[in-house]
Structure formats: structure tokens, C-alpha cells
Protein backbone atom coordinates (compact mmCIF):
# COMPACT_ATOMS: atom_id res chain seq x y z
CA MET A 1 0.00 0.00 0.00
CA ALA A 2 3.03 2.30 0.26
CA ASP A 3 4.11 4.51 -2.61
CA LEU A 4 7.80 4.14 -1.77
CA ILE A 5 10.22 2.64 0.73
CA GLY A 6 12.39 4.76 3.01
CA SER A 7 15.65 3.71 4.58
CA LEU A 8 18.17 5.19 7.00
CA PRO A 9 20.99 2.62 7.03
CA GLU A 10 23.20 4.77 9.27
CA ARG A 11 20.79 3.98 12.12
CA ASP A 12 21.70 0.31 11.74
CA ASP A 13 25.48 0.82 11.47
CA HIS A 14 27.39 -1.49 13.83
CA ALA A 15 29.84 1.30 14.71
CA LEU A 16 27.11 3.24 16.53
CA TYR A 17 24.57 0.48 17.18
CA PRO A 18 26.40 -2.82 17.74
CA ASP A 19 23.18 -4.79 18.26
CA HIS A 20 21.60 -3.63 14.96
CA ILE A 21 21.85 -5.39 11.59
CA GLY A 22 24.55 -3.11 10.13
CA PHE A 23 24.63 -0.54 7.34
CA ASP A 24 25.33 -3.03 4.55
CA GLU A 25 22.67 -5.49 5.69
CA ASN A 26 20.12 -2.69 5.91
CA CYS A 27 20.96 -1.71 2.32
CA ARG A 28 20.79 -5.29 1.07
CA ARG A 29 17.42 -5.96 2.70
CA THR A 30 15.77 -2.73 1.64
CA LEU A 31 17.11 -2.93 -1.93
CA GLU A 32 15.84 -6.49 -2.26
CA LEU A 33 12.47 -5.40 -0.87
CA THR A 34 12.16 -2.49 -3.29
CA ALA A 35 13.06 -4.76 -6.21
CA ARG A 36 10.56 -7.40 -5.13
CA LEU A 37 7.76 -4.85 -4.71
CA GLY A 38 8.68 -2.70 -7.73
CA LYS A 39 8.74 0.45 -5.59
CA GLN A 40 11.10 3.39 -5.41
CA ILE A 41 13.36 3.66 -2.40
CA HIS A 42 14.68 6.79 -0.71
CA ILE A 43 17.89 6.06 1.18
CA HIS A 44 19.12 8.79 3.52
CA THR A 45 22.90 8.84 3.76
CA ASP A 46 26.02 11.02 4.03
CA GLN A 47 24.35 13.81 5.98
CA LYS A 48 27.40 15.29 7.76
CA ASN A 49 29.37 16.85 4.87
CA ASP A 50 32.36 14.88 6.16
CA PRO A 51 34.85 13.30 3.73
CA SER A 52 35.21 10.25 5.99
CA GLU A 53 31.55 9.32 5.43
CA LYS A 54 31.25 6.75 2.66
CA GLY A 55 27.56 5.84 2.82
CA THR A 56 26.90 6.66 -0.82
CA ARG A 57 29.71 4.33 -1.87
CA GLN A 58 28.32 1.62 0.41
CA VAL A 59 24.86 1.94 -1.14
CA LEU A 60 26.33 1.78 -4.65
CA SER A 61 28.26 -1.35 -3.63
CA ALA A 62 25.11 -2.90 -2.20
CA ILE A 63 23.26 -2.25 -5.47
CA ALA A 64 26.05 -4.07 -7.34
CA ASP A 65 26.31 -6.88 -4.74
CA VAL A 66 22.58 -7.56 -4.89
CA GLY A 67 22.83 -7.51 -8.69
CA LEU A 68 20.18 -4.89 -9.23
CA THR A 69 19.93 -2.93 -12.44
CA TYR A 70 17.63 -0.01 -13.03
CA PRO A 71 17.29 0.63 -16.76
CA GLU A 72 14.10 2.68 -16.37
CA THR A 73 14.13 6.32 -17.37
CA GLU A 74 13.25 7.31 -13.81
CA PRO A 75 15.55 6.01 -11.06
CA LYS A 76 14.21 3.50 -8.54
CA VAL A 77 16.89 4.31 -5.95
CA TRP A 78 17.02 7.87 -4.67
CA LEU A 79 19.83 8.93 -2.34
CA VAL A 80 18.71 11.71 -0.04
CA HIS A 81 21.20 14.24 1.37
CA VAL A 82 24.50 12.91 -0.08
CA LEU A 83 26.38 15.88 1.36
CA SER A 84 29.64 14.14 2.18
CA PRO A 85 30.72 13.42 -1.40
CA SER A 86 30.83 17.19 -1.97
CA SER A 87 33.73 17.27 0.53
CA TYR A 88 35.72 14.52 -1.27
CA ASP A 89 38.73 15.41 -3.38
CA GLN A 90 37.85 16.00 -7.03
CA HIS A 91 38.94 12.56 -8.24
CA GLU A 92 36.89 10.67 -5.63
CA PHE A 93 33.89 12.94 -6.21
CA ASN A 94 34.07 12.29 -9.96
CA ASP A 95 34.24 8.52 -9.33
CA VAL A 96 31.14 8.61 -7.12
CA ALA A 97 29.22 10.81 -9.57
CA ALA A 98 30.12 8.53 -12.48
CA GLU A 99 29.01 5.42 -10.58
CA MET A 100 25.76 7.10 -9.57
CA ALA A 101 25.08 7.96 -13.20
CA GLU A 102 25.97 4.42 -14.27
CA ARG A 103 23.45 3.03 -11.76
CA ASN A 104 20.80 5.56 -12.85
């Protein structure tokens, strides 16, 4: 009955919440759910504008690990915030932007 799925994998990260499922497991589960249901997903990540945050890269890895492809004209996976990549050096930023474009 939902129009979309929302996810905040940082709230499951073992570093801050050792008893939770972990960032990567949260991504895997929610990406598999969105694929199974054919819904869009909004994943909130990299909110601190800190170059040490790599949540966007982790989500992109999870998409590849789960084997999802999104050839539609409108993306199924939306990353919300994504501030930290703007603080990466130019080369790393370009890599992340290129991978995001590749994954639509």
C-alpha cells in the first residue's frame, strides 16, 4: 500500500549500534524489498558533509552486490542528502558521480 520505501541505514550501522543489523545489511534488505515490490526507495545517507563518510559508496556497492539494475528512465533508488561526497577530493567525487550515473 506504500508509494515508496524509506531507509536510513546509518541507524543500523554497527559502529554506533552494535546490536543492529549493520549498514550493509540494511541496504541489502531494503534494496531487495524495493526490487521485489517494484517500488522506489529513498535512502538517507552522508548527511554530515564529512569526507570520511562513505555511505553513498556503500549503497552503490550494495546495489552491485545484490545484482540490481535499473534501466528505467526514472531512477528506482534515490539517495537523499548525499552531502559528504561534496567534501571529497575532485577525483573521488568524480568517481562517485560517475558510478551514480551508471546506476541511474
